[in-house]
N, C-alpha and C. Protein backbone atom coordinates (compact mmCIF):
# COMPACT_ATOMS: atom_id res chain seq x y z
N MET A 1 2.98 -3.96 19.83
CA MET A 1 2.18 -2.99 20.56
C MET A 1 1.04 -3.64 21.34
N ALA A 2 0.39 -4.65 20.74
CA ALA A 2 -0.80 -5.21 21.36
C ALA A 2 -0.46 -5.91 22.68
N GLN A 3 -1.25 -5.65 23.72
CA GLN A 3 -1.10 -6.30 25.00
C GLN A 3 -2.49 -6.66 25.52
N GLU A 4 -2.56 -7.71 26.32
CA GLU A 4 -3.85 -8.10 26.87
C GLU A 4 -4.27 -7.08 27.93
N VAL A 5 -5.55 -6.78 28.01
CA VAL A 5 -6.07 -5.87 29.02
C VAL A 5 -7.23 -6.54 29.72
N GLY A 6 -7.47 -6.11 30.96
CA GLY A 6 -8.56 -6.67 31.73
C GLY A 6 -9.90 -6.13 31.28
N ALA A 7 -10.97 -6.76 31.79
CA ALA A 7 -12.32 -6.36 31.39
C ALA A 7 -12.61 -4.92 31.79
N GLY A 8 -12.16 -4.52 32.99
CA GLY A 8 -12.39 -3.16 33.45
C GLY A 8 -11.68 -2.14 32.59
N GLU A 9 -10.46 -2.45 32.21
CA GLU A 9 -9.71 -1.53 31.38
C GLU A 9 -10.31 -1.46 29.98
N GLU A 10 -10.77 -2.60 29.47
CA GLU A 10 -11.39 -2.61 28.15
C GLU A 10 -12.68 -1.78 28.16
N ALA A 11 -13.43 -1.86 29.23
CA ALA A 11 -14.65 -1.05 29.33
C ALA A 11 -14.31 0.44 29.35
N ARG A 12 -13.22 0.78 30.00
CA ARG A 12 -12.79 2.18 30.02
C ARG A 12 -12.43 2.64 28.62
N TYR A 13 -11.71 1.80 27.87
CA TYR A 13 -11.37 2.17 26.50
C TYR A 13 -12.62 2.33 25.63
N GLU A 14 -13.61 1.48 25.86
CA GLU A 14 -14.86 1.61 25.09
C GLU A 14 -15.53 2.95 25.38
N ARG A 15 -15.53 3.36 26.64
CA ARG A 15 -16.11 4.67 26.99
C ARG A 15 -15.32 5.80 26.34
N GLU A 16 -14.01 5.65 26.30
CA GLU A 16 -13.18 6.69 25.69
C GLU A 16 -13.41 6.75 24.18
N ARG A 17 -13.62 5.59 23.55
CA ARG A 17 -13.94 5.58 22.11
C ARG A 17 -15.26 6.29 21.85
N GLU A 18 -16.24 6.00 22.68
CA GLU A 18 -17.55 6.63 22.50
C GLU A 18 -17.43 8.16 22.68
N ARG A 19 -16.66 8.58 23.67
CA ARG A 19 -16.44 10.02 23.86
C ARG A 19 -15.72 10.63 22.66
N MET A 20 -14.72 9.91 22.15
CA MET A 20 -13.97 10.38 20.99
C MET A 20 -14.92 10.61 19.81
N VAL A 21 -15.79 9.62 19.54
CA VAL A 21 -16.71 9.75 18.40
C VAL A 21 -17.70 10.88 18.64
N ARG A 22 -18.24 10.96 19.83
CA ARG A 22 -19.27 11.97 20.13
C ARG A 22 -18.71 13.39 20.06
N GLU A 23 -17.55 13.61 20.68
CA GLU A 23 -17.04 14.97 20.83
C GLU A 23 -16.14 15.41 19.68
N GLN A 24 -15.29 14.51 19.19
CA GLN A 24 -14.28 14.91 18.22
C GLN A 24 -14.74 14.73 16.77
N ILE A 25 -15.66 13.81 16.54
CA ILE A 25 -15.97 13.40 15.17
C ILE A 25 -17.41 13.75 14.81
N ALA A 26 -18.38 13.11 15.48
CA ALA A 26 -19.79 13.43 15.20
C ALA A 26 -20.11 14.86 15.58
N GLY A 27 -19.39 15.39 16.56
CA GLY A 27 -19.60 16.76 16.98
C GLY A 27 -19.07 17.78 16.00
N ARG A 28 -18.40 17.33 14.96
CA ARG A 28 -17.89 18.23 13.93
C ARG A 28 -18.67 17.98 12.64
N ASP A 29 -18.00 17.54 11.58
CA ASP A 29 -18.72 17.43 10.30
C ASP A 29 -18.66 16.05 9.69
N VAL A 30 -18.49 15.03 10.51
CA VAL A 30 -18.56 13.66 10.01
C VAL A 30 -19.93 13.10 10.36
N ARG A 31 -20.71 12.78 9.33
CA ARG A 31 -22.09 12.34 9.53
C ARG A 31 -22.35 10.92 9.03
N ASP A 32 -21.41 10.33 8.30
CA ASP A 32 -21.60 9.00 7.74
C ASP A 32 -21.71 7.98 8.88
N ARG A 33 -22.87 7.33 8.97
CA ARG A 33 -23.10 6.41 10.08
C ARG A 33 -22.14 5.23 10.09
N GLY A 34 -21.81 4.73 8.89
CA GLY A 34 -20.88 3.62 8.82
C GLY A 34 -19.51 4.01 9.33
N VAL A 35 -19.05 5.20 8.99
CA VAL A 35 -17.75 5.68 9.45
C VAL A 35 -17.76 5.86 10.97
N LEU A 36 -18.83 6.46 11.50
CA LEU A 36 -18.91 6.66 12.94
C LEU A 36 -18.90 5.32 13.68
N GLU A 37 -19.60 4.33 13.16
CA GLU A 37 -19.63 3.03 13.81
C GLU A 37 -18.26 2.34 13.72
N ALA A 38 -17.59 2.50 12.59
CA ALA A 38 -16.24 1.93 12.45
C ALA A 38 -15.29 2.54 13.47
N MET A 39 -15.39 3.85 13.68
CA MET A 39 -14.53 4.52 14.66
C MET A 39 -14.85 4.05 16.08
N ARG A 40 -16.11 3.69 16.32
CA ARG A 40 -16.47 3.15 17.64
C ARG A 40 -15.92 1.75 17.85
N ARG A 41 -15.84 0.98 16.79
CA ARG A 41 -15.48 -0.45 16.92
C ARG A 41 -13.98 -0.69 17.01
N VAL A 42 -13.18 0.08 16.27
CA VAL A 42 -11.75 -0.25 16.17
C VAL A 42 -11.01 0.27 17.40
N PRO A 43 -10.29 -0.60 18.11
CA PRO A 43 -9.60 -0.22 19.34
C PRO A 43 -8.29 0.54 19.05
N ARG A 44 -8.38 1.86 18.94
CA ARG A 44 -7.22 2.67 18.57
C ARG A 44 -6.04 2.48 19.53
N HIS A 45 -6.33 2.17 20.79
CA HIS A 45 -5.24 2.02 21.76
C HIS A 45 -4.33 0.84 21.41
N LEU A 46 -4.81 -0.10 20.60
CA LEU A 46 -3.97 -1.23 20.20
C LEU A 46 -3.11 -0.90 18.98
N PHE A 47 -3.27 0.30 18.43
CA PHE A 47 -2.49 0.71 17.27
C PHE A 47 -1.46 1.78 17.61
N VAL A 48 -1.26 2.04 18.90
CA VAL A 48 -0.24 2.99 19.34
C VAL A 48 0.69 2.28 20.32
N PRO A 49 1.90 2.79 20.52
CA PRO A 49 2.81 2.16 21.48
C PRO A 49 2.22 2.18 22.89
N PRO A 50 2.59 1.21 23.72
CA PRO A 50 2.03 1.14 25.08
C PRO A 50 2.18 2.44 25.87
N GLU A 51 3.28 3.15 25.67
CA GLU A 51 3.48 4.38 26.43
C GLU A 51 2.55 5.52 26.01
N SER A 52 1.85 5.33 24.88
CA SER A 52 0.92 6.35 24.39
C SER A 52 -0.54 5.97 24.60
N ARG A 53 -0.79 4.83 25.24
CA ARG A 53 -2.16 4.35 25.36
C ARG A 53 -3.07 5.33 26.10
N ALA A 54 -2.52 6.02 27.08
CA ALA A 54 -3.34 6.96 27.84
C ALA A 54 -3.87 8.08 26.96
N ASP A 55 -3.18 8.35 25.85
CA ASP A 55 -3.57 9.43 24.96
C ASP A 55 -4.24 8.93 23.68
N ALA A 56 -4.53 7.64 23.61
CA ALA A 56 -4.96 7.03 22.34
C ALA A 56 -6.23 7.64 21.79
N TYR A 57 -7.12 8.12 22.65
CA TYR A 57 -8.41 8.63 22.18
C TYR A 57 -8.51 10.15 22.24
N ASP A 58 -7.36 10.81 22.41
CA ASP A 58 -7.33 12.26 22.37
C ASP A 58 -7.31 12.74 20.92
N ASP A 59 -7.67 13.99 20.71
CA ASP A 59 -7.78 14.55 19.37
C ASP A 59 -6.41 15.05 18.89
N GLN A 60 -5.51 14.10 18.66
CA GLN A 60 -4.16 14.45 18.25
C GLN A 60 -3.49 13.26 17.57
N PRO A 61 -2.52 13.55 16.68
CA PRO A 61 -1.69 12.45 16.16
C PRO A 61 -0.73 11.97 17.24
N LEU A 62 -0.24 10.75 17.09
CA LEU A 62 0.70 10.19 18.06
C LEU A 62 1.83 9.49 17.33
N PRO A 63 3.05 9.54 17.88
CA PRO A 63 4.17 8.85 17.24
C PRO A 63 4.02 7.34 17.36
N ILE A 64 4.41 6.63 16.28
CA ILE A 64 4.34 5.17 16.29
C ILE A 64 5.70 4.55 15.99
N GLY A 65 6.74 5.40 16.00
CA GLY A 65 8.09 4.91 15.72
C GLY A 65 8.51 5.15 14.29
N TYR A 66 9.81 5.11 14.06
CA TYR A 66 10.40 5.25 12.72
C TYR A 66 10.07 6.62 12.09
N GLY A 67 9.84 7.62 12.93
CA GLY A 67 9.53 8.94 12.44
C GLY A 67 8.13 9.10 11.88
N GLN A 68 7.25 8.13 12.14
CA GLN A 68 5.89 8.14 11.61
C GLN A 68 4.87 8.40 12.71
N THR A 69 3.65 8.74 12.32
CA THR A 69 2.59 9.01 13.28
C THR A 69 1.30 8.31 12.86
N ILE A 70 0.42 8.14 13.83
CA ILE A 70 -0.96 7.76 13.58
C ILE A 70 -1.75 9.06 13.58
N SER A 71 -2.56 9.29 12.55
CA SER A 71 -3.28 10.56 12.43
C SER A 71 -4.32 10.72 13.53
N GLN A 72 -4.67 11.98 13.82
CA GLN A 72 -5.70 12.23 14.82
C GLN A 72 -7.01 11.58 14.37
N PRO A 73 -7.82 11.14 15.31
CA PRO A 73 -9.05 10.41 14.96
C PRO A 73 -9.94 11.17 13.99
N TYR A 74 -10.12 12.47 14.20
CA TYR A 74 -11.01 13.23 13.32
C TYR A 74 -10.56 13.16 11.86
N ILE A 75 -9.25 13.31 11.62
CA ILE A 75 -8.74 13.28 10.25
C ILE A 75 -8.96 11.90 9.63
N VAL A 76 -8.74 10.84 10.40
CA VAL A 76 -9.00 9.49 9.89
C VAL A 76 -10.47 9.35 9.47
N ALA A 77 -11.37 9.80 10.34
CA ALA A 77 -12.80 9.69 10.05
C ALA A 77 -13.18 10.56 8.85
N TYR A 78 -12.68 11.78 8.81
CA TYR A 78 -13.02 12.71 7.73
C TYR A 78 -12.54 12.19 6.38
N MET A 79 -11.29 11.71 6.32
CA MET A 79 -10.77 11.19 5.06
C MET A 79 -11.52 9.94 4.64
N THR A 80 -11.92 9.11 5.59
CA THR A 80 -12.69 7.91 5.26
C THR A 80 -14.05 8.30 4.69
N GLN A 81 -14.69 9.29 5.30
CA GLN A 81 -15.98 9.76 4.81
C GLN A 81 -15.87 10.28 3.37
N LEU A 82 -14.76 10.96 3.06
CA LEU A 82 -14.58 11.50 1.72
C LEU A 82 -14.62 10.41 0.65
N LEU A 83 -14.22 9.19 1.01
CA LEU A 83 -14.15 8.11 0.03
C LEU A 83 -15.53 7.58 -0.37
N ASP A 84 -16.54 7.86 0.45
CA ASP A 84 -17.92 7.45 0.15
C ASP A 84 -17.98 5.95 -0.17
N LEU A 85 -17.47 5.15 0.76
CA LEU A 85 -17.35 3.71 0.54
C LEU A 85 -18.71 3.01 0.60
N LYS A 86 -18.86 2.03 -0.29
CA LYS A 86 -20.07 1.21 -0.34
C LYS A 86 -19.66 -0.26 -0.40
N PRO A 87 -20.52 -1.17 0.07
CA PRO A 87 -20.20 -2.61 -0.01
C PRO A 87 -19.86 -3.01 -1.44
N GLY A 88 -18.85 -3.87 -1.55
CA GLY A 88 -18.42 -4.34 -2.86
C GLY A 88 -17.29 -3.52 -3.46
N MET A 89 -16.95 -2.40 -2.83
CA MET A 89 -15.86 -1.57 -3.35
C MET A 89 -14.50 -2.13 -2.94
N LYS A 90 -13.48 -1.64 -3.64
CA LYS A 90 -12.09 -2.02 -3.37
C LYS A 90 -11.29 -0.75 -3.11
N ALA A 91 -10.51 -0.73 -2.00
CA ALA A 91 -9.78 0.47 -1.62
C ALA A 91 -8.29 0.18 -1.47
N LEU A 92 -7.49 1.19 -1.79
CA LEU A 92 -6.05 1.16 -1.60
C LEU A 92 -5.66 2.24 -0.61
N GLU A 93 -4.83 1.88 0.36
CA GLU A 93 -4.25 2.85 1.27
C GLU A 93 -2.75 2.93 1.01
N VAL A 94 -2.22 4.13 0.91
CA VAL A 94 -0.78 4.34 0.78
C VAL A 94 -0.28 4.90 2.11
N GLY A 95 0.55 4.11 2.80
CA GLY A 95 1.06 4.50 4.10
C GLY A 95 0.35 3.76 5.22
N THR A 96 0.65 2.48 5.38
CA THR A 96 -0.04 1.64 6.36
C THR A 96 0.15 2.13 7.78
N GLY A 97 1.38 2.57 8.10
CA GLY A 97 1.66 2.97 9.48
C GLY A 97 1.44 1.82 10.44
N SER A 98 0.65 2.06 11.48
CA SER A 98 0.37 1.00 12.45
C SER A 98 -0.79 0.12 12.03
N GLY A 99 -1.49 0.50 10.94
CA GLY A 99 -2.60 -0.30 10.45
C GLY A 99 -3.98 0.21 10.82
N TYR A 100 -4.04 1.35 11.53
CA TYR A 100 -5.34 1.84 12.03
C TYR A 100 -6.29 2.24 10.91
N GLN A 101 -5.81 3.02 9.93
CA GLN A 101 -6.69 3.42 8.84
C GLN A 101 -7.18 2.20 8.06
N ALA A 102 -6.30 1.23 7.83
CA ALA A 102 -6.72 0.01 7.13
C ALA A 102 -7.80 -0.73 7.90
N ALA A 103 -7.68 -0.75 9.23
CA ALA A 103 -8.69 -1.42 10.05
C ALA A 103 -10.04 -0.71 9.95
N ILE A 104 -10.02 0.62 9.89
CA ILE A 104 -11.26 1.38 9.72
C ILE A 104 -11.88 1.06 8.36
N LEU A 105 -11.07 1.05 7.31
CA LEU A 105 -11.58 0.72 5.98
C LEU A 105 -12.20 -0.67 5.96
N ALA A 106 -11.55 -1.61 6.65
CA ALA A 106 -12.01 -3.00 6.65
C ALA A 106 -13.34 -3.18 7.37
N GLN A 107 -13.73 -2.20 8.19
CA GLN A 107 -15.06 -2.25 8.80
C GLN A 107 -16.15 -1.95 7.78
N LEU A 108 -15.78 -1.30 6.67
CA LEU A 108 -16.75 -0.80 5.72
C LEU A 108 -16.82 -1.59 4.42
N ILE A 109 -15.68 -2.15 4.00
CA ILE A 109 -15.62 -2.92 2.76
C ILE A 109 -14.75 -4.14 2.97
N ASP A 110 -14.87 -5.11 2.05
CA ASP A 110 -14.15 -6.38 2.21
C ASP A 110 -12.77 -6.38 1.57
N GLU A 111 -12.56 -5.56 0.53
CA GLU A 111 -11.28 -5.58 -0.18
C GLU A 111 -10.46 -4.34 0.16
N VAL A 112 -9.45 -4.52 1.01
CA VAL A 112 -8.58 -3.42 1.42
C VAL A 112 -7.14 -3.83 1.14
N TYR A 113 -6.43 -2.97 0.40
CA TYR A 113 -5.02 -3.17 0.09
C TYR A 113 -4.26 -1.98 0.67
N THR A 114 -3.14 -2.26 1.32
CA THR A 114 -2.40 -1.18 1.96
C THR A 114 -0.90 -1.40 1.76
N ILE A 115 -0.17 -0.30 1.55
CA ILE A 115 1.26 -0.36 1.23
C ILE A 115 2.04 0.47 2.24
N GLU A 116 3.12 -0.09 2.75
CA GLU A 116 4.00 0.60 3.69
C GLU A 116 5.45 0.44 3.23
N ILE A 117 6.16 1.56 3.14
CA ILE A 117 7.54 1.52 2.64
C ILE A 117 8.54 1.12 3.73
N ILE A 118 8.20 1.36 5.00
CA ILE A 118 9.10 1.00 6.10
C ILE A 118 8.80 -0.45 6.50
N GLU A 119 9.74 -1.32 6.23
CA GLU A 119 9.48 -2.75 6.36
C GLU A 119 9.05 -3.15 7.76
N ALA A 120 9.75 -2.65 8.79
CA ALA A 120 9.41 -3.05 10.15
C ALA A 120 7.98 -2.63 10.50
N LEU A 121 7.59 -1.43 10.13
CA LEU A 121 6.23 -0.97 10.39
C LEU A 121 5.21 -1.83 9.65
N GLY A 122 5.49 -2.11 8.38
CA GLY A 122 4.57 -2.90 7.58
C GLY A 122 4.36 -4.29 8.15
N ARG A 123 5.44 -4.93 8.58
CA ARG A 123 5.32 -6.28 9.14
C ARG A 123 4.58 -6.26 10.47
N GLU A 124 4.86 -5.24 11.30
CA GLU A 124 4.14 -5.13 12.56
C GLU A 124 2.64 -4.91 12.31
N ALA A 125 2.33 -4.05 11.37
CA ALA A 125 0.93 -3.76 11.07
C ALA A 125 0.21 -4.99 10.53
N ALA A 126 0.87 -5.73 9.66
CA ALA A 126 0.25 -6.94 9.10
C ALA A 126 -0.08 -7.93 10.21
N GLY A 127 0.85 -8.13 11.13
CA GLY A 127 0.60 -9.03 12.25
C GLY A 127 -0.51 -8.54 13.15
N ARG A 128 -0.53 -7.25 13.40
CA ARG A 128 -1.56 -6.66 14.27
C ARG A 128 -2.94 -6.81 13.64
N LEU A 129 -3.04 -6.53 12.36
CA LEU A 129 -4.33 -6.62 11.67
C LEU A 129 -4.86 -8.05 11.69
N LYS A 130 -3.98 -9.01 11.47
CA LYS A 130 -4.41 -10.41 11.51
C LYS A 130 -4.86 -10.80 12.91
N LYS A 131 -4.11 -10.37 13.92
CA LYS A 131 -4.46 -10.72 15.29
C LYS A 131 -5.83 -10.16 15.68
N LEU A 132 -6.18 -9.00 15.11
CA LEU A 132 -7.44 -8.35 15.43
C LEU A 132 -8.58 -8.80 14.51
N GLY A 133 -8.30 -9.80 13.67
CA GLY A 133 -9.36 -10.39 12.87
C GLY A 133 -9.48 -9.88 11.46
N HIS A 134 -8.53 -9.07 11.01
CA HIS A 134 -8.60 -8.51 9.65
C HIS A 134 -7.70 -9.31 8.71
N GLN A 135 -7.96 -10.60 8.62
CA GLN A 135 -7.12 -11.47 7.79
C GLN A 135 -7.19 -11.11 6.31
N ASP A 136 -8.27 -10.46 5.89
CA ASP A 136 -8.45 -10.17 4.47
C ASP A 136 -7.75 -8.88 4.01
N VAL A 137 -7.24 -8.09 4.95
CA VAL A 137 -6.50 -6.90 4.55
C VAL A 137 -5.15 -7.33 3.98
N ARG A 138 -4.86 -6.91 2.76
CA ARG A 138 -3.60 -7.27 2.10
C ARG A 138 -2.58 -6.17 2.35
N VAL A 139 -1.44 -6.53 2.94
CA VAL A 139 -0.38 -5.57 3.26
C VAL A 139 0.84 -5.85 2.38
N LYS A 140 1.36 -4.79 1.77
CA LYS A 140 2.53 -4.91 0.92
C LYS A 140 3.63 -3.99 1.43
N ILE A 141 4.85 -4.49 1.44
CA ILE A 141 6.01 -3.66 1.75
C ILE A 141 6.53 -3.12 0.42
N GLY A 142 6.48 -1.81 0.26
CA GLY A 142 6.93 -1.24 -1.01
C GLY A 142 6.68 0.25 -1.08
N ASP A 143 6.97 0.82 -2.22
CA ASP A 143 6.84 2.25 -2.47
C ASP A 143 5.42 2.54 -2.94
N GLY A 144 4.63 3.15 -2.07
CA GLY A 144 3.23 3.40 -2.37
C GLY A 144 2.99 4.41 -3.47
N TYR A 145 4.00 5.19 -3.82
CA TYR A 145 3.86 6.16 -4.91
C TYR A 145 3.37 5.47 -6.18
N PHE A 146 3.82 4.24 -6.39
CA PHE A 146 3.50 3.51 -7.61
C PHE A 146 2.22 2.67 -7.48
N GLY A 147 1.58 2.74 -6.30
CA GLY A 147 0.34 2.01 -6.11
C GLY A 147 0.54 0.51 -6.12
N TRP A 148 -0.53 -0.20 -6.48
CA TRP A 148 -0.50 -1.67 -6.51
C TRP A 148 -1.26 -2.09 -7.76
N PRO A 149 -0.65 -1.88 -8.94
CA PRO A 149 -1.38 -2.00 -10.21
C PRO A 149 -2.00 -3.36 -10.45
N GLU A 150 -1.38 -4.43 -9.95
CA GLU A 150 -1.93 -5.75 -10.23
C GLU A 150 -3.28 -5.98 -9.54
N HIS A 151 -3.61 -5.15 -8.55
CA HIS A 151 -4.91 -5.27 -7.87
C HIS A 151 -5.85 -4.12 -8.21
N GLY A 152 -5.40 -3.17 -9.04
CA GLY A 152 -6.26 -2.07 -9.44
C GLY A 152 -7.16 -2.49 -10.60
N PRO A 153 -8.04 -1.59 -11.03
CA PRO A 153 -8.22 -0.24 -10.47
C PRO A 153 -9.00 -0.27 -9.16
N PHE A 154 -8.91 0.83 -8.42
CA PHE A 154 -9.53 0.92 -7.10
C PHE A 154 -10.68 1.92 -7.12
N ASP A 155 -11.72 1.60 -6.37
CA ASP A 155 -12.84 2.54 -6.22
C ASP A 155 -12.44 3.72 -5.35
N ALA A 156 -11.51 3.49 -4.43
CA ALA A 156 -11.10 4.53 -3.50
C ALA A 156 -9.62 4.38 -3.18
N ILE A 157 -8.95 5.51 -3.04
CA ILE A 157 -7.54 5.53 -2.63
C ILE A 157 -7.39 6.58 -1.54
N VAL A 158 -6.72 6.22 -0.46
CA VAL A 158 -6.43 7.18 0.60
C VAL A 158 -4.93 7.17 0.84
N VAL A 159 -4.33 8.35 0.84
CA VAL A 159 -2.89 8.51 1.04
C VAL A 159 -2.70 9.17 2.40
N THR A 160 -1.93 8.55 3.27
CA THR A 160 -1.81 9.02 4.65
C THR A 160 -0.45 9.67 4.93
N ALA A 161 0.19 10.17 3.87
CA ALA A 161 1.41 10.96 3.99
C ALA A 161 1.36 12.02 2.90
N ALA A 162 2.05 13.13 3.14
CA ALA A 162 1.94 14.26 2.22
C ALA A 162 2.89 14.12 1.04
N ALA A 163 2.35 14.21 -0.15
CA ALA A 163 3.14 14.19 -1.39
C ALA A 163 3.29 15.62 -1.90
N ASN A 164 4.39 15.89 -2.64
CA ASN A 164 4.52 17.24 -3.19
C ASN A 164 3.76 17.41 -4.49
N HIS A 165 3.14 16.32 -4.96
CA HIS A 165 2.26 16.35 -6.12
C HIS A 165 1.41 15.09 -6.08
N ILE A 166 0.38 15.05 -6.88
CA ILE A 166 -0.49 13.87 -6.93
C ILE A 166 0.18 12.82 -7.81
N PRO A 167 0.52 11.66 -7.27
CA PRO A 167 1.25 10.66 -8.04
C PRO A 167 0.46 10.16 -9.27
N PRO A 168 0.99 10.31 -10.47
CA PRO A 168 0.30 9.82 -11.66
C PRO A 168 -0.08 8.35 -11.61
N PRO A 169 0.77 7.45 -11.03
CA PRO A 169 0.34 6.05 -10.99
C PRO A 169 -0.94 5.84 -10.19
N LEU A 170 -1.14 6.64 -9.14
CA LEU A 170 -2.36 6.51 -8.35
C LEU A 170 -3.56 7.01 -9.14
N LEU A 171 -3.39 8.08 -9.89
CA LEU A 171 -4.48 8.55 -10.74
C LEU A 171 -4.87 7.49 -11.76
N GLN A 172 -3.86 6.81 -12.32
CA GLN A 172 -4.13 5.78 -13.31
C GLN A 172 -4.87 4.61 -12.70
N GLN A 173 -4.60 4.31 -11.42
CA GLN A 173 -5.22 3.17 -10.77
C GLN A 173 -6.56 3.50 -10.10
N LEU A 174 -6.97 4.78 -10.18
CA LEU A 174 -8.27 5.17 -9.65
C LEU A 174 -9.34 4.87 -10.70
N LYS A 175 -10.32 4.09 -10.31
CA LYS A 175 -11.38 3.67 -11.24
C LYS A 175 -12.24 4.86 -11.65
N PRO A 176 -12.74 4.90 -12.89
CA PRO A 176 -13.73 5.92 -13.25
C PRO A 176 -14.89 5.88 -12.26
N GLY A 177 -15.24 7.05 -11.76
CA GLY A 177 -16.24 7.13 -10.70
C GLY A 177 -15.63 7.06 -9.31
N GLY A 178 -14.30 6.86 -9.22
CA GLY A 178 -13.63 6.71 -7.94
C GLY A 178 -13.24 8.01 -7.29
N ARG A 179 -12.77 7.90 -6.03
CA ARG A 179 -12.40 9.06 -5.23
C ARG A 179 -11.07 8.80 -4.52
N MET A 180 -10.25 9.84 -4.44
CA MET A 180 -8.96 9.75 -3.74
C MET A 180 -8.84 10.92 -2.76
N ALA A 181 -8.44 10.61 -1.52
CA ALA A 181 -8.13 11.63 -0.52
C ALA A 181 -6.63 11.62 -0.30
N ILE A 182 -5.99 12.80 -0.46
CA ILE A 182 -4.54 12.87 -0.38
C ILE A 182 -4.10 14.24 0.12
N PRO A 183 -3.17 14.29 1.10
CA PRO A 183 -2.59 15.57 1.48
C PRO A 183 -1.45 15.92 0.51
N VAL A 184 -1.43 17.17 0.07
CA VAL A 184 -0.42 17.60 -0.90
C VAL A 184 0.32 18.81 -0.34
N GLY A 185 1.67 18.75 -0.41
CA GLY A 185 2.50 19.85 0.07
C GLY A 185 3.78 19.31 0.67
N GLY A 186 4.78 20.16 0.79
CA GLY A 186 6.06 19.77 1.34
C GLY A 186 6.04 19.72 2.86
N PRO A 187 7.06 19.09 3.47
CA PRO A 187 7.09 18.93 4.93
C PRO A 187 7.22 20.24 5.68
N PHE A 188 7.76 21.28 5.04
CA PHE A 188 7.91 22.57 5.71
C PHE A 188 7.02 23.63 5.08
N GLN A 189 5.96 23.18 4.41
CA GLN A 189 5.01 24.08 3.78
C GLN A 189 3.61 23.79 4.32
N VAL A 190 2.70 24.69 4.02
CA VAL A 190 1.30 24.40 4.33
C VAL A 190 0.83 23.29 3.39
N GLN A 191 0.34 22.21 3.98
CA GLN A 191 -0.19 21.11 3.19
C GLN A 191 -1.70 21.26 3.08
N THR A 192 -2.25 20.74 2.00
CA THR A 192 -3.68 20.85 1.76
C THR A 192 -4.26 19.46 1.53
N LEU A 193 -5.33 19.15 2.23
CA LEU A 193 -6.03 17.90 1.97
C LEU A 193 -6.85 18.07 0.70
N MET A 194 -6.62 17.18 -0.26
CA MET A 194 -7.27 17.27 -1.56
C MET A 194 -8.21 16.08 -1.75
N LEU A 195 -9.34 16.35 -2.37
CA LEU A 195 -10.23 15.29 -2.83
C LEU A 195 -10.13 15.23 -4.35
N ILE A 196 -9.74 14.06 -4.85
CA ILE A 196 -9.62 13.83 -6.28
C ILE A 196 -10.75 12.93 -6.72
N THR A 197 -11.49 13.34 -7.73
CA THR A 197 -12.55 12.49 -8.26
C THR A 197 -12.30 12.24 -9.74
N LYS A 198 -12.68 11.07 -10.18
CA LYS A 198 -12.57 10.72 -11.59
C LYS A 198 -13.97 10.39 -12.09
N SER A 199 -14.43 11.13 -13.08
CA SER A 199 -15.77 10.94 -13.61
C SER A 199 -15.84 9.65 -14.41
N PRO A 200 -17.04 9.16 -14.70
CA PRO A 200 -17.17 7.93 -15.49
C PRO A 200 -16.47 7.99 -16.84
N ASP A 201 -16.32 9.21 -17.39
CA ASP A 201 -15.61 9.33 -18.68
C ASP A 201 -14.11 9.56 -18.51
N GLY A 202 -13.62 9.46 -17.24
CA GLY A 202 -12.19 9.55 -16.98
C GLY A 202 -11.65 10.93 -16.69
N LYS A 203 -12.50 11.95 -16.64
CA LYS A 203 -12.04 13.30 -16.36
C LYS A 203 -11.73 13.44 -14.87
N VAL A 204 -10.56 14.01 -14.56
CA VAL A 204 -10.11 14.15 -13.18
C VAL A 204 -10.41 15.57 -12.68
N ARG A 205 -10.99 15.64 -11.48
CA ARG A 205 -11.25 16.92 -10.84
C ARG A 205 -10.60 16.93 -9.47
N THR A 206 -10.06 18.08 -9.08
CA THR A 206 -9.43 18.21 -7.77
C THR A 206 -10.14 19.29 -6.97
N ARG A 207 -10.19 19.07 -5.67
CA ARG A 207 -10.85 20.04 -4.79
C ARG A 207 -10.03 20.16 -3.51
N SER A 208 -9.66 21.40 -3.15
CA SER A 208 -8.92 21.67 -1.92
C SER A 208 -9.89 21.78 -0.76
N LEU A 209 -9.58 21.10 0.35
CA LEU A 209 -10.54 21.02 1.44
C LEU A 209 -10.10 21.75 2.71
N MET A 210 -8.89 21.48 3.18
CA MET A 210 -8.47 22.10 4.44
C MET A 210 -6.96 21.99 4.59
N PRO A 211 -6.35 22.89 5.38
CA PRO A 211 -4.93 22.74 5.69
C PRO A 211 -4.73 21.57 6.66
N VAL A 212 -3.67 20.81 6.44
CA VAL A 212 -3.37 19.65 7.28
C VAL A 212 -1.86 19.56 7.49
N ARG A 213 -1.47 18.67 8.38
CA ARG A 213 -0.04 18.42 8.59
C ARG A 213 0.17 16.91 8.67
N PHE A 214 0.92 16.37 7.71
CA PHE A 214 1.24 14.95 7.65
C PHE A 214 2.74 14.78 7.53
N VAL A 215 3.23 13.61 7.91
CA VAL A 215 4.62 13.27 7.62
C VAL A 215 4.75 13.14 6.09
N PRO A 216 5.95 13.36 5.54
CA PRO A 216 6.10 13.33 4.08
C PRO A 216 6.03 11.92 3.52
N LEU A 217 5.49 11.82 2.33
CA LEU A 217 5.52 10.58 1.57
C LEU A 217 6.95 10.35 1.09
N VAL A 218 7.49 9.19 1.38
CA VAL A 218 8.87 8.90 1.00
C VAL A 218 8.89 7.76 0.00
N GLY A 219 9.96 7.70 -0.76
CA GLY A 219 10.12 6.64 -1.75
C GLY A 219 10.74 7.16 -3.01
N GLN A 220 11.01 6.28 -3.92
CA GLN A 220 11.69 6.62 -5.16
C GLN A 220 10.93 7.66 -5.97
N GLY A 221 9.61 7.53 -6.02
CA GLY A 221 8.83 8.41 -6.86
C GLY A 221 8.36 9.69 -6.19
N SER A 222 8.39 9.74 -4.86
CA SER A 222 7.75 10.84 -4.16
C SER A 222 8.46 12.17 -4.32
N SER A 223 9.73 12.16 -4.70
CA SER A 223 10.47 13.42 -4.86
C SER A 223 10.39 13.96 -6.27
N ARG A 224 9.70 13.26 -7.15
CA ARG A 224 9.58 13.76 -8.51
C ARG A 224 8.74 15.03 -8.56
N PRO A 225 9.05 15.96 -9.47
CA PRO A 225 8.29 17.20 -9.55
C PRO A 225 6.89 16.94 -10.06
């Protein structure tokens, strides 16, 4: 996806990013300064196919191939804000896609782990992230339903595809005091963005936030009741 652009075109993209943050994100209910700055810095147009670059900063999801999408900017910012990330934290993303959400996370914390089940997408994202300077983001090709236990527990988990239930392995890998943002619901049902919190004593609480629409989480475990 990545292509070289001239200085004039890059300046135009910077203006479009600033407009995106001002109108679509800060103009709504995202107030975290770190998240807003991360959204300003990451070049979203490099995470979409060339034919979609003209629409890269619009308030909409875009196809990235293999039946997958990059989420609309507002949803990326809102879900990131829900995680309440602080320096020194460790985060897991389930559903790497083109790598955009992982790049946003990497602006805020140093330890980012991301899993993609579609091999071609995962390899493309890993290469893109490295090219853009995110060498420390760890990308795994695999079934994100089961998380990445050897690197857990995680302070934050973000799931970028809709599951029909909250995966127990992810709950187990969420650190006490941690937070998880996950869309829950079937592909032909109303999906709900959920915030999962785990108290220091290990008690899990769930909170329904808003209706959303995501591609379904796929893999061996995702179809379990």
